[in-house]
C-alpha atoms as a PDB file:
ATOM      1  CA  MET A   1     -92.890  -2.299 -24.015  1.00  0.00           C
ATOM      2  CA  ARG A   2     -96.219  -3.182 -22.206  1.00  0.00           C
ATOM      3  CA  SER A   3     -95.168  -1.123 -19.218  1.00  0.00           C
ATOM      4  CA  ARG A   4     -94.844   1.996 -21.441  1.00  0.00           C
ATOM      5  CA  TYR A   5     -97.712   1.572 -23.041  1.00  0.00           C
ATOM      6  CA  SER A   6     -99.440   1.730 -19.499  1.00  0.00           C
ATOM      7  CA  ALA A   7     -97.446   4.478 -18.739  1.00  0.00           C
ATOM      8  CA  TYR A   8     -99.000   6.248 -21.697  1.00  0.00           C
ATOM      9  CA  THR A   9    -102.110   5.496 -20.747  1.00  0.00           C
ATOM     10  CA  LEU A  10    -101.928   6.643 -17.281  1.00  0.00           C
ATOM     11  CA  ASN A  11     -99.546  10.070 -18.725  1.00  0.00           C
ATOM     12  CA  LEU A  12     -96.732   8.689 -16.227  1.00  0.00           C
ATOM     13  CA  VAL A  13     -94.299  11.287 -17.998  1.00  0.00           C
ATOM     14  CA  ASP A  14     -91.429  10.701 -15.550  1.00  0.00           C
ATOM     15  CA  TYR A  15     -91.709   6.577 -15.960  1.00  0.00           C
ATOM     16  CA  LEU A  16     -91.381   7.234 -19.974  1.00  0.00           C
ATOM     17  CA  TRP A  17     -88.694   9.822 -19.199  1.00  0.00           C
ATOM     18  CA  GLU A  18     -86.466   6.791 -17.100  1.00  0.00           C
ATOM     19  CA  THR A  19     -86.760   4.287 -19.043  1.00  0.00           C
ATOM     20  CA  THR A  20     -85.517   5.881 -22.279  1.00  0.00           C
ATOM     21  CA  HIS A  21     -82.183   5.772 -22.720  1.00  0.00           C
ATOM     22  CA  PRO A  22     -79.886   8.455 -21.548  1.00  0.00           C
ATOM     23  CA  LEU A  23     -78.230   8.283 -24.483  1.00  0.00           C
ATOM     24  CA  LYS A  24     -81.514   9.326 -26.371  1.00  0.00           C
ATOM     25  CA  ARG A  25     -83.228  11.443 -23.495  1.00  0.00           C
ATOM     26  CA  TYR A  26     -81.900  14.642 -26.209  1.00  0.00           C
ATOM     27  CA  LEU A  27     -84.385  13.443 -28.806  1.00  0.00           C
ATOM     28  CA  HIS A  28     -87.364  13.751 -26.529  1.00  0.00           C
ATOM     29  CA  SER A  29     -88.707  16.324 -24.064  1.00  0.00           C
ATOM     30  CA  LYS A  30     -90.666  15.518 -21.235  1.00  0.00           C
ATOM     31  CA  ALA A  31     -93.834  17.909 -22.387  1.00  0.00           C
ATOM     32  CA  ASP A  32     -93.823  16.380 -25.914  1.00  0.00           C
ATOM     33  CA  ILE A  33     -94.050  13.612 -24.068  1.00  0.00           C
ATOM     34  CA  GLU A  34     -96.959  14.232 -22.060  1.00  0.00           C
ATOM     35  CA  SER A  35     -98.753  16.339 -24.964  1.00  0.00           C
ATOM     36  CA  TRP A  36     -98.585  13.036 -26.827  1.00  0.00           C
ATOM     37  CA  ALA A  37     -99.774  10.651 -24.070  1.00  0.00           C
ATOM     38  CA  LYS A  38    -102.785  13.804 -23.271  1.00  0.00           C
ATOM     39  CA  ALA A  39    -103.872  14.556 -26.868  1.00  0.00           C
ATOM     40  CA  ASN A  40    -104.902  10.520 -27.275  1.00  0.00           C
ATOM     41  CA  HIS A  41    -107.311   7.889 -25.634  1.00  0.00           C
ATOM     42  CA  TRP A  42    -105.266   4.929 -25.740  1.00  0.00           C
ATOM     43  CA  LEU A  43    -107.772   1.828 -26.498  1.00  0.00           C
ATOM     44  CA  ARG A  44    -105.051  -1.328 -26.760  1.00  0.00           C
ATOM     45  CA  LEU A  45    -101.228  -2.622 -27.795  1.00  0.00           C
ATOM     46  CA  GLU A  46    -101.118  -5.861 -30.246  1.00  0.00           C
ATOM     47  CA  ILE A  47     -97.468  -7.211 -29.454  1.00  0.00           C
ATOM     48  CA  VAL A  48     -96.592  -7.811 -33.682  1.00  0.00           C
ATOM     49  CA  GLN A  49     -93.298  -9.999 -33.183  1.00  0.00           C
ATOM     50  CA  ALA A  50     -90.722  -9.651 -29.721  1.00  0.00           C
ATOM     51  CA  PHE A  51     -87.355 -11.264 -30.297  1.00  0.00           C
ATOM     52  CA  ASN A  52     -84.566 -10.891 -28.351  1.00  0.00           C
ATOM     53  CA  ALA A  53     -84.229  -7.291 -27.507  1.00  0.00           C
ATOM     54  CA  VAL A  54     -86.473  -5.846 -29.946  1.00  0.00           C
ATOM     55  CA  VAL A  55     -90.100  -4.841 -29.995  1.00  0.00           C
ATOM     56  CA  GLU A  56     -92.179  -4.518 -32.905  1.00  0.00           C
ATOM     57  CA  PHE A  57     -96.147  -2.932 -31.574  1.00  0.00           C
ATOM     58  CA  LYS A  58     -99.441  -1.568 -32.671  1.00  0.00           C
ATOM     59  CA  ALA A  59    -100.840   0.971 -30.566  1.00  0.00           C
ATOM     60  CA  PHE A  60    -104.601   1.721 -30.720  1.00  0.00           C
ATOM     61  CA  TYR A  61    -105.603   5.462 -30.040  1.00  0.00           C
ATOM     62  CA  GLN A  62    -108.404   7.860 -30.516  1.00  0.00           C
ATOM     63  CA  GLN A  63    -108.628  11.618 -30.705  1.00  0.00           C
ATOM     64  CA  GLY A  64    -111.779  12.962 -30.841  1.00  0.00           C
ATOM     65  CA  LEU A  65    -114.035  10.294 -33.470  1.00  0.00           C
ATOM     66  CA  ARG A  66    -111.048   9.627 -35.957  1.00  0.00           C
ATOM     67  CA  GLN A  67    -109.124   6.409 -34.531  1.00  0.00           C
ATOM     68  CA  PHE A  68    -104.649   5.871 -35.358  1.00  0.00           C
ATOM     69  CA  VAL A  69    -102.861   2.970 -35.132  1.00  0.00           C
ATOM     70  CA  HIS A  70     -99.293   4.113 -33.439  1.00  0.00           C
ATOM     71  CA  HIS A  71     -96.762   1.182 -35.458  1.00  0.00           C
ATOM     72  CA  GLU A  72     -93.176   0.706 -34.809  1.00  0.00           C
ATOM     73  CA  ARG A  73     -90.316  -1.681 -34.030  1.00  0.00           C
ATOM     74  CA  SER A  74     -88.397  -0.882 -30.960  1.00  0.00           C
ATOM     75  CA  THR A  75     -85.063  -1.849 -29.957  1.00  0.00           C
ATOM     76  CA  PHE A  76     -84.391  -1.826 -26.373  1.00  0.00           C
ATOM     77  CA  LYS A  77     -80.906  -2.278 -24.214  1.00  0.00           C
ATOM     78  CA  LYS A  78     -80.391  -3.484 -20.915  1.00  0.00           C
ATOM     79  CA  GLU A  79     -77.946  -1.917 -18.691  1.00  0.00           C
ATOM     80  CA  ALA A  80     -76.892  -2.638 -15.072  1.00  0.00           C
ATOM     81  CA  GLY A  81     -80.634  -4.512 -14.606  1.00  0.00           C
ATOM     82  CA  LYS A  82     -82.384  -1.842 -16.342  1.00  0.00           C
ATOM     83  CA  TRP A  83     -84.387  -2.223 -19.784  1.00  0.00           C
ATOM     84  CA  TYR A  84     -84.372   1.367 -21.234  1.00  0.00           C
ATOM     85  CA  TYR A  85     -86.451   2.533 -24.920  1.00  0.00           C
ATOM     86  CA  PHE A  86     -83.723   3.080 -26.916  1.00  0.00           C
ATOM     87  CA  THR A  87     -84.647   3.962 -30.381  1.00  0.00           C
ATOM     88  CA  GLY A  88     -87.893   3.189 -32.500  1.00  0.00           C
ATOM     89  CA  GLU A  89     -88.514   2.344 -36.322  1.00  0.00           C
ATOM     90  CA  HIS A  90     -92.394   3.999 -37.120  1.00  0.00           C
ATOM     91  CA  PHE A  91     -93.926   2.533 -40.108  1.00  0.00           C
ATOM     92  CA  HIS A  92     -96.606   3.823 -41.910  1.00  0.00           C
END
């Protein structure tokens, strides 16, 4: 989770794509990932809870003068020794 957050802050689109589970990549596009990463000034990551392959987090970011929180519970899958982002549930 921390590496994916860092990838958003550094706009490492290929890393984000490659760490998304291959079965779920069709739900995303590199252009959308890049747009989301660049549109925000990422402030900090707070891990709320982590258990097995599930991580609940809050990613704080800023757009212009306004600050926001992206609150999500993400599920990861490990295959062939590599972790992949599989799905996420957003809280509003």
